[in-house]
Amino acid sequence: MASNILPFRFENTILPIGDIPELHDNLQSIRKKYRLHPLAQPSPSDIHLPHFIDMLRVFPIYVHRYRKNYRCVGNVRAWELCRAWLSPDQKVPVSLIHGRFKSEYWSRNYLLETYYPNVVYGLPAEDSISLHSILREWSSDLELPPPFPSKAAYRRTMRFGKGRATHG
């Protein structure tokens, strides 16, 4: 399925995460230029991995093929987590970019995706506590396994202390 809504054509497909071994060279240069350090990673045992994979169906990793190699160009955080959490043969949803690599577009996108989600979706501890209650109830109503195996796993992932979680 090709699309022309974005400034490039792409095709949604599934690839083993091991087939996407590196970040695009241009984005690696940006990472060095702006000294973007790796973000902390929640433990995979604290995340319900099938839910994470489901999320990738909505927010896939963007991949560009150059010669015979695939390189990550978008949704870099998800790509990093997949490489850390999943076996190389685990297949993940990706959007395969067709055509020339548009350096300006992807460079800008990388900087935006690095900072804006943390600012826009960053939650204070009180909201994180409320979110835990909502997640428990929502999972139960939808008859889904909880997204986190325990309240402790949720606290570690959301980075707030035990005393702050007594309300949820």
N, C-alpha and C. Protein backbone atom coordinates (compact mmCIF):
# COMPACT_ATOMS: atom_id res chain seq x y z
N MET A 1 0.84 -1.17 0.00
CA MET A 1 0.00 0.00 0.00
C MET A 1 0.89 1.24 0.00
N ALA A 2 0.90 1.98 -1.05
CA ALA A 2 1.71 3.20 -1.17
C ALA A 2 0.85 4.40 -0.80
N SER A 3 1.50 5.44 -0.31
CA SER A 3 0.79 6.64 0.08
C SER A 3 1.54 7.87 -0.41
N ASN A 4 0.81 8.93 -0.71
CA ASN A 4 1.43 10.19 -1.13
C ASN A 4 1.06 11.33 -0.18
N ILE A 5 0.51 11.03 0.99
CA ILE A 5 0.12 12.06 1.95
C ILE A 5 1.36 12.74 2.52
N LEU A 6 2.38 11.98 2.81
CA LEU A 6 3.64 12.51 3.32
C LEU A 6 4.55 12.87 2.15
N PRO A 7 5.66 13.59 2.40
CA PRO A 7 6.53 14.01 1.28
C PRO A 7 7.41 12.87 0.75
N PHE A 8 6.96 11.66 0.88
CA PHE A 8 7.68 10.49 0.36
C PHE A 8 6.68 9.36 0.21
N ARG A 9 7.02 8.41 -0.61
CA ARG A 9 6.19 7.21 -0.75
C ARG A 9 6.69 6.17 0.22
N PHE A 10 5.77 5.38 0.77
CA PHE A 10 6.17 4.32 1.68
C PHE A 10 5.23 3.13 1.55
N GLU A 11 5.69 2.04 2.08
CA GLU A 11 4.93 0.79 2.06
C GLU A 11 5.01 0.19 3.46
N ASN A 12 3.87 -0.13 4.04
CA ASN A 12 3.87 -0.78 5.34
C ASN A 12 4.14 -2.27 5.15
N THR A 13 5.07 -2.77 5.93
CA THR A 13 5.46 -4.17 5.82
C THR A 13 5.98 -4.64 7.18
N ILE A 14 6.52 -5.82 7.22
CA ILE A 14 7.09 -6.38 8.44
C ILE A 14 8.49 -6.88 8.12
N LEU A 15 9.45 -6.54 8.99
CA LEU A 15 10.84 -6.98 8.83
C LEU A 15 11.37 -7.50 10.15
N PRO A 16 12.29 -8.44 10.11
CA PRO A 16 12.98 -8.83 11.35
C PRO A 16 13.80 -7.62 11.84
N ILE A 17 13.76 -7.36 13.13
CA ILE A 17 14.48 -6.19 13.66
C ILE A 17 15.98 -6.31 13.39
N GLY A 18 16.51 -7.51 13.30
CA GLY A 18 17.93 -7.71 12.99
C GLY A 18 18.30 -7.27 11.59
N ASP A 19 17.31 -7.11 10.70
CA ASP A 19 17.57 -6.63 9.34
C ASP A 19 17.74 -5.11 9.28
N ILE A 20 17.53 -4.45 10.42
CA ILE A 20 17.66 -2.98 10.49
C ILE A 20 18.77 -2.70 11.51
N PRO A 21 20.02 -2.93 11.11
CA PRO A 21 21.11 -2.91 12.08
C PRO A 21 21.60 -1.54 12.52
N GLU A 22 21.24 -0.49 11.78
CA GLU A 22 21.82 0.80 12.17
C GLU A 22 20.89 1.96 11.84
N LEU A 23 21.20 3.05 12.50
CA LEU A 23 20.56 4.33 12.25
C LEU A 23 21.19 4.91 10.98
N HIS A 24 20.39 5.60 10.19
CA HIS A 24 20.91 6.22 8.97
C HIS A 24 22.11 7.11 9.31
N ASP A 25 23.13 7.13 8.43
CA ASP A 25 24.36 7.91 8.65
C ASP A 25 24.06 9.37 9.00
N ASN A 26 23.12 9.95 8.28
CA ASN A 26 22.78 11.36 8.51
C ASN A 26 22.28 11.57 9.94
N LEU A 27 21.46 10.66 10.43
CA LEU A 27 20.92 10.78 11.78
C LEU A 27 21.99 10.48 12.83
N GLN A 28 22.92 9.60 12.50
CA GLN A 28 24.05 9.37 13.40
C GLN A 28 24.87 10.65 13.56
N SER A 29 25.05 11.39 12.46
CA SER A 29 25.79 12.66 12.51
C SER A 29 25.07 13.68 13.39
N ILE A 30 23.75 13.72 13.30
CA ILE A 30 22.97 14.63 14.13
C ILE A 30 23.11 14.26 15.59
N ARG A 31 23.05 12.97 15.86
CA ARG A 31 23.20 12.50 17.24
C ARG A 31 24.52 12.97 17.83
N LYS A 32 25.60 12.89 17.03
CA LYS A 32 26.91 13.35 17.49
C LYS A 32 26.96 14.87 17.61
N LYS A 33 26.44 15.57 16.61
CA LYS A 33 26.50 17.04 16.60
C LYS A 33 25.81 17.63 17.82
N TYR A 34 24.62 17.11 18.15
CA TYR A 34 23.86 17.66 19.26
C TYR A 34 24.09 16.90 20.57
N ARG A 35 25.01 15.97 20.54
CA ARG A 35 25.34 15.17 21.72
C ARG A 35 24.09 14.55 22.34
N LEU A 36 23.30 13.92 21.51
CA LEU A 36 22.08 13.26 21.98
C LEU A 36 22.46 11.94 22.63
N HIS A 37 22.37 11.88 23.91
CA HIS A 37 22.73 10.65 24.61
C HIS A 37 21.56 9.67 24.55
N PRO A 38 21.86 8.39 24.66
CA PRO A 38 20.77 7.40 24.66
C PRO A 38 19.85 7.63 25.86
N LEU A 39 18.56 7.44 25.64
CA LEU A 39 17.59 7.59 26.71
C LEU A 39 17.56 6.32 27.56
N ALA A 40 17.14 6.45 28.80
CA ALA A 40 17.02 5.29 29.68
C ALA A 40 16.00 4.33 29.07
N GLN A 41 16.24 3.05 29.27
CA GLN A 41 15.34 2.04 28.73
C GLN A 41 14.68 1.27 29.86
N PRO A 42 13.35 1.21 29.84
CA PRO A 42 12.69 0.36 30.82
C PRO A 42 13.12 -1.08 30.61
N SER A 43 13.04 -1.85 31.65
CA SER A 43 13.35 -3.28 31.52
C SER A 43 12.26 -3.95 30.69
N PRO A 44 12.63 -4.84 29.78
CA PRO A 44 11.58 -5.52 28.99
C PRO A 44 10.64 -6.34 29.86
N SER A 45 11.09 -6.77 31.05
CA SER A 45 10.21 -7.53 31.93
C SER A 45 9.14 -6.62 32.55
N ASP A 46 9.33 -5.30 32.48
CA ASP A 46 8.36 -4.35 33.01
C ASP A 46 7.33 -3.93 31.97
N ILE A 47 7.47 -4.38 30.76
CA ILE A 47 6.58 -4.00 29.65
C ILE A 47 5.90 -5.27 29.12
N HIS A 48 4.64 -5.14 28.76
CA HIS A 48 3.95 -6.24 28.10
C HIS A 48 4.31 -6.14 26.61
N LEU A 49 5.30 -6.91 26.18
CA LEU A 49 5.85 -6.77 24.82
C LEU A 49 4.82 -6.90 23.70
N PRO A 50 3.82 -7.78 23.81
CA PRO A 50 2.82 -7.82 22.73
C PRO A 50 2.10 -6.48 22.54
N HIS A 51 1.87 -5.75 23.63
CA HIS A 51 1.26 -4.42 23.49
C HIS A 51 2.21 -3.46 22.79
N PHE A 52 3.49 -3.57 23.10
CA PHE A 52 4.48 -2.72 22.45
C PHE A 52 4.50 -2.98 20.94
N ILE A 53 4.46 -4.25 20.55
CA ILE A 53 4.43 -4.61 19.13
C ILE A 53 3.14 -4.08 18.49
N ASP A 54 2.01 -4.18 19.21
CA ASP A 54 0.75 -3.63 18.69
C ASP A 54 0.87 -2.13 18.45
N MET A 55 1.55 -1.42 19.35
CA MET A 55 1.74 0.01 19.19
C MET A 55 2.50 0.31 17.89
N LEU A 56 3.44 -0.56 17.54
CA LEU A 56 4.22 -0.35 16.31
C LEU A 56 3.37 -0.48 15.06
N ARG A 57 2.24 -1.15 15.16
CA ARG A 57 1.34 -1.21 14.00
C ARG A 57 0.76 0.17 13.70
N VAL A 58 0.59 0.98 14.74
CA VAL A 58 0.06 2.33 14.59
C VAL A 58 1.19 3.33 14.36
N PHE A 59 2.32 3.13 15.07
CA PHE A 59 3.47 4.01 14.98
C PHE A 59 4.69 3.19 14.55
N PRO A 60 4.75 2.81 13.27
CA PRO A 60 5.82 1.91 12.83
C PRO A 60 7.18 2.60 12.80
N ILE A 61 8.20 1.77 12.75
CA ILE A 61 9.56 2.25 12.56
C ILE A 61 9.70 2.59 11.07
N TYR A 62 10.28 3.75 10.77
CA TYR A 62 10.50 4.14 9.37
C TYR A 62 11.89 3.67 8.95
N VAL A 63 11.92 3.01 7.81
CA VAL A 63 13.14 2.37 7.33
C VAL A 63 13.40 2.80 5.89
N HIS A 64 14.65 3.10 5.58
CA HIS A 64 15.04 3.43 4.21
C HIS A 64 16.02 2.36 3.76
N ARG A 65 15.83 1.89 2.54
CA ARG A 65 16.73 0.88 1.99
C ARG A 65 17.74 1.56 1.07
N TYR A 66 19.00 1.37 1.36
CA TYR A 66 20.07 1.89 0.51
C TYR A 66 20.90 0.71 0.07
N ARG A 67 20.94 0.51 -1.23
CA ARG A 67 21.53 -0.69 -1.80
C ARG A 67 20.80 -1.89 -1.20
N LYS A 68 21.47 -2.74 -0.47
CA LYS A 68 20.77 -3.91 0.09
C LYS A 68 20.60 -3.81 1.60
N ASN A 69 20.88 -2.63 2.17
CA ASN A 69 20.82 -2.47 3.61
C ASN A 69 19.65 -1.60 4.04
N TYR A 70 19.01 -2.02 5.12
CA TYR A 70 17.94 -1.22 5.72
C TYR A 70 18.53 -0.40 6.86
N ARG A 71 18.10 0.87 6.95
CA ARG A 71 18.55 1.73 8.04
C ARG A 71 17.35 2.47 8.62
N CYS A 72 17.34 2.64 9.92
CA CYS A 72 16.26 3.35 10.59
C CYS A 72 16.36 4.84 10.29
N VAL A 73 15.21 5.44 9.92
CA VAL A 73 15.18 6.89 9.67
C VAL A 73 14.09 7.59 10.47
N GLY A 74 13.22 6.85 11.11
CA GLY A 74 12.14 7.47 11.88
C GLY A 74 11.58 6.53 12.93
N ASN A 75 11.00 7.11 13.96
CA ASN A 75 10.57 6.40 15.16
C ASN A 75 11.79 5.68 15.75
N VAL A 76 12.83 6.46 15.90
CA VAL A 76 14.14 5.96 16.34
C VAL A 76 14.05 5.33 17.72
N ARG A 77 13.30 5.94 18.61
CA ARG A 77 13.19 5.41 19.98
C ARG A 77 12.63 3.99 19.96
N ALA A 78 11.58 3.77 19.19
CA ALA A 78 11.00 2.43 19.10
C ALA A 78 12.01 1.44 18.51
N TRP A 79 12.77 1.89 17.50
CA TRP A 79 13.79 1.03 16.91
C TRP A 79 14.84 0.65 17.96
N GLU A 80 15.29 1.63 18.75
CA GLU A 80 16.28 1.35 19.80
C GLU A 80 15.74 0.34 20.81
N LEU A 81 14.49 0.51 21.21
CA LEU A 81 13.89 -0.41 22.17
C LEU A 81 13.74 -1.80 21.58
N CYS A 82 13.32 -1.88 20.34
CA CYS A 82 13.20 -3.19 19.68
C CYS A 82 14.55 -3.91 19.63
N ARG A 83 15.59 -3.16 19.29
CA ARG A 83 16.93 -3.78 19.20
C ARG A 83 17.40 -4.25 20.58
N ALA A 84 17.00 -3.53 21.63
CA ALA A 84 17.41 -3.92 22.98
C ALA A 84 16.56 -5.06 23.53
N TRP A 85 15.28 -5.09 23.22
CA TRP A 85 14.36 -6.02 23.84
C TRP A 85 14.08 -7.29 23.07
N LEU A 86 14.17 -7.23 21.75
CA LEU A 86 13.70 -8.36 20.93
C LEU A 86 14.86 -9.13 20.32
N SER A 87 14.61 -10.37 20.00
CA SER A 87 15.63 -11.16 19.31
C SER A 87 15.72 -10.67 17.87
N PRO A 88 16.89 -10.81 17.24
CA PRO A 88 17.07 -10.28 15.87
C PRO A 88 16.07 -10.83 14.85
N ASP A 89 15.53 -12.02 15.09
CA ASP A 89 14.59 -12.59 14.12
C ASP A 89 13.13 -12.18 14.38
N GLN A 90 12.89 -11.43 15.46
CA GLN A 90 11.53 -10.96 15.76
C GLN A 90 11.09 -9.96 14.69
N LYS A 91 9.96 -10.22 14.07
CA LYS A 91 9.45 -9.32 13.03
C LYS A 91 8.66 -8.19 13.65
N VAL A 92 8.88 -6.97 13.09
CA VAL A 92 8.21 -5.78 13.60
C VAL A 92 7.61 -4.99 12.44
N PRO A 93 6.53 -4.26 12.70
CA PRO A 93 5.94 -3.41 11.66
C PRO A 93 6.85 -2.23 11.32
N VAL A 94 7.03 -2.00 10.04
CA VAL A 94 7.84 -0.88 9.56
C VAL A 94 7.13 -0.21 8.39
N SER A 95 7.50 1.05 8.16
CA SER A 95 7.11 1.75 6.93
C SER A 95 8.39 1.86 6.12
N LEU A 96 8.42 1.18 5.00
CA LEU A 96 9.58 1.17 4.12
C LEU A 96 9.48 2.35 3.16
N ILE A 97 10.44 3.27 3.29
CA ILE A 97 10.46 4.50 2.50
C ILE A 97 11.00 4.20 1.12
N HIS A 98 10.31 4.69 0.10
CA HIS A 98 10.76 4.52 -1.29
C HIS A 98 11.37 5.82 -1.80
N GLY A 99 12.29 5.71 -2.72
CA GLY A 99 12.89 6.90 -3.35
C GLY A 99 14.10 7.39 -2.60
N ARG A 100 14.53 8.59 -3.01
CA ARG A 100 15.72 9.20 -2.40
C ARG A 100 15.49 9.57 -0.95
N PHE A 101 16.54 9.46 -0.18
CA PHE A 101 16.52 9.88 1.22
C PHE A 101 16.47 11.40 1.26
N LYS A 102 15.46 11.96 1.91
CA LYS A 102 15.32 13.41 2.01
C LYS A 102 15.94 13.86 3.34
N SER A 103 17.21 14.17 3.26
CA SER A 103 18.01 14.47 4.44
C SER A 103 17.39 15.55 5.32
N GLU A 104 16.98 16.65 4.73
CA GLU A 104 16.43 17.77 5.51
C GLU A 104 15.18 17.33 6.27
N TYR A 105 14.30 16.61 5.59
CA TYR A 105 13.05 16.15 6.22
C TYR A 105 13.35 15.23 7.40
N TRP A 106 14.16 14.21 7.17
CA TRP A 106 14.40 13.21 8.21
C TRP A 106 15.24 13.75 9.35
N SER A 107 16.15 14.68 9.07
CA SER A 107 16.94 15.31 10.13
C SER A 107 16.03 16.11 11.05
N ARG A 108 15.16 16.90 10.46
CA ARG A 108 14.21 17.69 11.25
C ARG A 108 13.29 16.77 12.04
N ASN A 109 12.78 15.74 11.39
CA ASN A 109 11.88 14.80 12.05
C ASN A 109 12.56 14.13 13.24
N TYR A 110 13.82 13.76 13.08
CA TYR A 110 14.55 13.09 14.16
C TYR A 110 14.65 13.99 15.39
N LEU A 111 14.98 15.26 15.19
CA LEU A 111 15.07 16.18 16.32
C LEU A 111 13.69 16.39 16.96
N LEU A 112 12.66 16.50 16.14
CA LEU A 112 11.31 16.67 16.69
C LEU A 112 10.88 15.44 17.48
N GLU A 113 11.11 14.26 16.94
CA GLU A 113 10.66 13.06 17.64
C GLU A 113 11.49 12.77 18.89
N THR A 114 12.69 13.31 18.95
CA THR A 114 13.52 13.11 20.13
C THR A 114 13.01 13.93 21.31
N TYR A 115 12.54 15.14 21.05
CA TYR A 115 12.17 16.02 22.15
C TYR A 115 10.68 16.21 22.38
N TYR A 116 9.91 16.36 21.32
CA TYR A 116 8.51 16.70 21.53
C TYR A 116 7.70 15.65 22.28
N PRO A 117 7.81 14.38 22.00
CA PRO A 117 7.01 13.43 22.79
C PRO A 117 7.31 13.52 24.28
N ASN A 118 8.57 13.73 24.64
CA ASN A 118 8.91 13.84 26.05
C ASN A 118 8.29 15.08 26.68
N VAL A 119 8.19 16.17 25.91
CA VAL A 119 7.59 17.39 26.42
C VAL A 119 6.07 17.28 26.41
N VAL A 120 5.52 16.86 25.28
CA VAL A 120 4.08 16.82 25.12
C VAL A 120 3.43 15.74 25.99
N TYR A 121 4.05 14.56 26.04
CA TYR A 121 3.46 13.45 26.78
C TYR A 121 4.05 13.25 28.16
N GLY A 122 5.06 14.03 28.51
CA GLY A 122 5.66 13.90 29.83
C GLY A 122 4.59 14.10 30.90
N LEU A 123 4.55 13.21 31.85
CA LEU A 123 3.53 13.27 32.88
C LEU A 123 4.13 13.53 34.25
N PRO A 124 3.53 14.44 35.01
CA PRO A 124 3.96 14.56 36.40
C PRO A 124 3.54 13.30 37.16
N ALA A 125 4.14 13.07 38.31
CA ALA A 125 3.89 11.85 39.08
C ALA A 125 2.40 11.65 39.37
N GLU A 126 1.67 12.73 39.69
CA GLU A 126 0.24 12.60 40.02
C GLU A 126 -0.54 12.04 38.82
N ASP A 127 -0.23 12.53 37.62
CA ASP A 127 -0.90 12.03 36.42
C ASP A 127 -0.50 10.59 36.14
N SER A 128 0.74 10.24 36.42
CA SER A 128 1.20 8.87 36.21
C SER A 128 0.45 7.91 37.13
N ILE A 129 0.20 8.35 38.35
CA ILE A 129 -0.56 7.52 39.30
C ILE A 129 -1.98 7.31 38.77
N SER A 130 -2.62 8.39 38.32
CA SER A 130 -3.97 8.28 37.77
C SER A 130 -3.99 7.38 36.54
N LEU A 131 -2.98 7.51 35.70
CA LEU A 131 -2.90 6.71 34.49
C LEU A 131 -2.83 5.22 34.82
N HIS A 132 -2.12 4.86 35.89
CA HIS A 132 -2.03 3.45 36.28
C HIS A 132 -3.41 2.89 36.59
N SER A 133 -4.23 3.63 37.31
CA SER A 133 -5.59 3.18 37.64
C SER A 133 -6.42 3.01 36.37
N ILE A 134 -6.30 3.98 35.47
CA ILE A 134 -7.04 3.91 34.21
C ILE A 134 -6.60 2.70 33.40
N LEU A 135 -5.28 2.46 33.32
CA LEU A 135 -4.77 1.31 32.57
C LEU A 135 -5.30 -0.01 33.13
N ARG A 136 -5.33 -0.13 34.45
CA ARG A 136 -5.84 -1.36 35.07
C ARG A 136 -7.29 -1.59 34.70
N GLU A 137 -8.09 -0.54 34.84
CA GLU A 137 -9.52 -0.66 34.56
C GLU A 137 -9.77 -0.91 33.07
N TRP A 138 -9.06 -0.19 32.21
CA TRP A 138 -9.22 -0.33 30.77
C TRP A 138 -8.83 -1.74 30.33
N SER A 139 -7.71 -2.24 30.83
CA SER A 139 -7.28 -3.60 30.47
C SER A 139 -8.32 -4.62 30.88
N SER A 140 -8.89 -4.44 32.07
CA SER A 140 -9.91 -5.36 32.55
C SER A 140 -11.16 -5.29 31.68
N ASP A 141 -11.61 -4.07 31.37
CA ASP A 141 -12.81 -3.90 30.54
C ASP A 141 -12.64 -4.51 29.15
N LEU A 142 -11.44 -4.41 28.60
CA LEU A 142 -11.18 -4.93 27.25
C LEU A 142 -10.71 -6.38 27.28
N GLU A 143 -10.63 -6.96 28.49
CA GLU A 143 -10.16 -8.33 28.68
C GLU A 143 -8.78 -8.53 28.06
N LEU A 144 -7.90 -7.56 28.31
CA LEU A 144 -6.52 -7.63 27.85
C LEU A 144 -5.61 -7.87 29.05
N PRO A 145 -4.46 -8.47 28.83
CA PRO A 145 -3.52 -8.56 29.94
C PRO A 145 -3.05 -7.15 30.28
N PRO A 146 -2.73 -6.91 31.55
CA PRO A 146 -2.27 -5.56 31.90
C PRO A 146 -1.00 -5.20 31.15
N PRO A 147 -0.85 -3.91 30.79
CA PRO A 147 0.34 -3.51 30.04
C PRO A 147 1.63 -3.62 30.86
N PHE A 148 1.50 -3.63 32.19
CA PHE A 148 2.65 -3.78 33.07
C PHE A 148 2.35 -4.95 34.01
N PRO A 149 3.31 -5.81 34.28
CA PRO A 149 3.04 -7.00 35.09
C PRO A 149 2.76 -6.68 36.56
N SER A 150 3.16 -5.51 37.02
CA SER A 150 2.94 -5.16 38.42
C SER A 150 2.98 -3.64 38.58
N LYS A 151 2.50 -3.20 39.75
CA LYS A 151 2.57 -1.77 40.06
C LYS A 151 4.02 -1.33 40.16
N ALA A 152 4.88 -2.20 40.70
CA ALA A 152 6.31 -1.87 40.81
C ALA A 152 6.93 -1.68 39.42
N ALA A 153 6.56 -2.54 38.47
CA ALA A 153 7.08 -2.40 37.10
C ALA A 153 6.62 -1.08 36.50
N TYR A 154 5.38 -0.72 36.74
CA TYR A 154 4.86 0.55 36.24
C TYR A 154 5.64 1.72 36.85
N ARG A 155 5.88 1.69 38.16
CA ARG A 155 6.63 2.77 38.83
C ARG A 155 8.03 2.89 38.25
N ARG A 156 8.70 1.76 38.04
CA ARG A 156 10.05 1.81 37.47
C ARG A 156 10.03 2.41 36.07
N THR A 157 9.09 1.99 35.28
CA THR A 157 8.99 2.47 33.90
C THR A 157 8.68 3.95 33.85
N MET A 158 7.77 4.41 34.69
CA MET A 158 7.37 5.81 34.71
C MET A 158 8.28 6.67 35.58
N ARG A 159 9.21 6.02 36.27
CA ARG A 159 10.24 6.69 37.07
C ARG A 159 9.69 7.55 38.21
N PHE A 160 8.85 6.92 39.04
CA PHE A 160 8.48 7.61 40.27
C PHE A 160 8.52 6.61 41.42
N GLY A 161 8.74 7.14 42.61
CA GLY A 161 8.98 6.32 43.78
C GLY A 161 7.75 5.64 44.34
N LYS A 162 7.99 4.67 45.21
CA LYS A 162 6.93 3.87 45.81
C LYS A 162 5.95 4.73 46.60
N GLY A 163 6.44 5.69 47.33
CA GLY A 163 5.56 6.56 48.12
C GLY A 163 4.57 7.34 47.27
N ARG A 164 4.93 7.63 46.03
CA ARG A 164 4.06 8.41 45.14
C ARG A 164 2.96 7.56 44.55
N ALA A 165 3.07 6.23 44.62
CA ALA A 165 2.12 5.34 43.94
C ALA A 165 1.02 4.83 44.86
N THR A 166 0.93 5.32 46.08
CA THR A 166 -0.06 4.79 47.01
C THR A 166 -1.49 5.14 46.64
N HIS A 167 -1.66 6.15 45.80
CA HIS A 167 -3.01 6.58 45.41
C HIS A 167 -3.62 5.70 44.31
N GLY A 168 -2.78 5.01 43.50
CA GLY A 168 -3.26 4.31 42.30
C GLY A 168 -3.63 2.93 42.47
